[in-house]
């Protein structure tokens, strides 16, 4: 299954998961310290949907946002 929306082009984005330990300075501690950074991915909410496309029905992969906004007409 492709990891990209066929209408808006939304796809997998990458980022980091940051782990911080310690007590914040405003709470009486010495501040938060970063103890680990791990790569992660942000995946779009993709759905397989049958849509009406110019009189014929076809199956596409679209994100939930496009589906809810009414960009496509479900078959």
C-alpha atoms as a PDB file:
ATOM      1  CA  UNK A   1       0.000   0.000   0.000  1.00  0.00           C
ATOM      2  CA  UNK A   2       1.447   3.384  -0.947  1.00  0.00           C
ATOM      3  CA  UNK A   3       2.164   5.741   1.925  1.00  0.00           C
ATOM      4  CA  UNK A   4       0.967   8.880   0.151  1.00  0.00           C
ATOM      5  CA  UNK A   5      -2.479  10.455  -0.331  1.00  0.00           C
ATOM      6  CA  UNK A   6      -3.481  10.541  -4.015  1.00  0.00           C
ATOM      7  CA  UNK A   7      -5.263  13.896  -3.664  1.00  0.00           C
ATOM      8  CA  UNK A   8      -3.214  16.124  -1.357  1.00  0.00           C
ATOM      9  CA  UNK A   9       0.144  14.319  -1.507  1.00  0.00           C
ATOM     10  CA  UNK A  10       0.406  13.917   2.267  1.00  0.00           C
ATOM     11  CA  UNK A  11       3.109  11.382   3.086  1.00  0.00           C
ATOM     12  CA  UNK A  12       5.311  10.037   5.864  1.00  0.00           C
ATOM     13  CA  UNK A  13       7.322  12.709   7.682  1.00  0.00           C
ATOM     14  CA  UNK A  14      10.270  12.055   9.947  1.00  0.00           C
ATOM     15  CA  UNK A  15      11.168  13.573  13.283  1.00  0.00           C
ATOM     16  CA  UNK A  16      12.666  12.750  16.650  1.00  0.00           C
ATOM     17  CA  UNK A  17      11.402  11.331  19.912  1.00  0.00           C
ATOM     18  CA  UNK A  18      13.131  13.293  22.675  1.00  0.00           C
ATOM     19  CA  UNK A  19      13.351  11.923  26.212  1.00  0.00           C
ATOM     20  CA  UNK A  20      13.919  14.464  28.975  1.00  0.00           C
ATOM     21  CA  UNK A  21      14.530  13.729  32.668  1.00  0.00           C
ATOM     22  CA  UNK A  22      14.844  15.958  35.686  1.00  0.00           C
ATOM     23  CA  UNK A  23      12.767  18.502  37.528  1.00  0.00           C
ATOM     24  CA  UNK A  24      12.067  21.857  35.903  1.00  0.00           C
ATOM     25  CA  UNK A  25      13.885  24.883  37.339  1.00  0.00           C
ATOM     26  CA  UNK A  26      10.628  26.657  38.177  1.00  0.00           C
ATOM     27  CA  UNK A  27       9.677  23.611  40.280  1.00  0.00           C
ATOM     28  CA  UNK A  28      12.908  23.691  42.270  1.00  0.00           C
ATOM     29  CA  UNK A  29      15.049  21.353  40.212  1.00  0.00           C
ATOM     30  CA  UNK A  30      18.201  21.914  38.157  1.00  0.00           C
ATOM     31  CA  UNK A  31      16.387  21.789  34.829  1.00  0.00           C
ATOM     32  CA  UNK A  32      15.408  19.191  32.271  1.00  0.00           C
ATOM     33  CA  UNK A  33      18.176  17.225  30.584  1.00  0.00           C
ATOM     34  CA  UNK A  34      17.885  15.432  27.255  1.00  0.00           C
ATOM     35  CA  UNK A  35      18.803  11.790  27.807  1.00  0.00           C
ATOM     36  CA  UNK A  36      17.821  10.257  24.492  1.00  0.00           C
ATOM     37  CA  UNK A  37      16.921  11.160  20.927  1.00  0.00           C
ATOM     38  CA  UNK A  38      15.419   8.452  18.731  1.00  0.00           C
ATOM     39  CA  UNK A  39      14.275   8.860  15.136  1.00  0.00           C
ATOM     40  CA  UNK A  40      10.570   8.291  14.490  1.00  0.00           C
ATOM     41  CA  UNK A  41       8.042   8.759  11.701  1.00  0.00           C
ATOM     42  CA  UNK A  42       4.719  10.586  11.544  1.00  0.00           C
ATOM     43  CA  UNK A  43       2.368   8.574   9.345  1.00  0.00           C
ATOM     44  CA  UNK A  44      -0.757   9.993   7.689  1.00  0.00           C
ATOM     45  CA  UNK A  45      -4.144   8.398   8.368  1.00  0.00           C
ATOM     46  CA  UNK A  46      -4.582   6.707   4.983  1.00  0.00           C
ATOM     47  CA  UNK A  47      -7.702   4.801   3.958  1.00  0.00           C
ATOM     48  CA  UNK A  48      -8.513   2.597   0.953  1.00  0.00           C
ATOM     49  CA  UNK A  49     -11.748   3.926  -0.546  1.00  0.00           C
ATOM     50  CA  UNK A  50     -13.793   3.223  -3.666  1.00  0.00           C
ATOM     51  CA  UNK A  51     -14.613   6.531  -5.371  1.00  0.00           C
ATOM     52  CA  UNK A  52     -16.713   7.693  -8.301  1.00  0.00           C
ATOM     53  CA  UNK A  53     -14.335   9.121 -10.921  1.00  0.00           C
ATOM     54  CA  UNK A  54     -15.940  10.411 -14.099  1.00  0.00           C
ATOM     55  CA  UNK A  55     -18.577   7.703 -14.319  1.00  0.00           C
ATOM     56  CA  UNK A  56     -16.351   4.804 -13.324  1.00  0.00           C
ATOM     57  CA  UNK A  57     -15.482   3.384  -9.934  1.00  0.00           C
ATOM     58  CA  UNK A  58     -11.882   3.016  -8.838  1.00  0.00           C
ATOM     59  CA  UNK A  59     -10.051   2.265  -5.605  1.00  0.00           C
ATOM     60  CA  UNK A  60      -7.730   4.944  -4.220  1.00  0.00           C
ATOM     61  CA  UNK A  61      -5.676   5.577  -1.096  1.00  0.00           C
ATOM     62  CA  UNK A  62      -6.553   8.922   0.477  1.00  0.00           C
ATOM     63  CA  UNK A  63      -6.032  10.526   3.866  1.00  0.00           C
ATOM     64  CA  UNK A  64      -8.898  10.883   6.331  1.00  0.00           C
ATOM     65  CA  UNK A  65      -8.752  14.665   6.053  1.00  0.00           C
ATOM     66  CA  UNK A  66      -9.521  14.591   2.312  1.00  0.00           C
ATOM     67  CA  UNK A  67     -12.272  12.063   2.932  1.00  0.00           C
ATOM     68  CA  UNK A  68     -13.929  14.172   5.639  1.00  0.00           C
ATOM     69  CA  UNK A  69     -13.654  17.439   3.686  1.00  0.00           C
ATOM     70  CA  UNK A  70     -15.601  15.994   0.755  1.00  0.00           C
ATOM     71  CA  UNK A  71     -12.849  16.227  -1.877  1.00  0.00           C
ATOM     72  CA  UNK A  72     -13.947  12.845  -3.245  1.00  0.00           C
ATOM     73  CA  UNK A  73     -17.327  11.269  -3.987  1.00  0.00           C
ATOM     74  CA  UNK A  74     -17.571   7.767  -2.526  1.00  0.00           C
ATOM     75  CA  UNK A  75     -19.038   5.074  -4.777  1.00  0.00           C
END
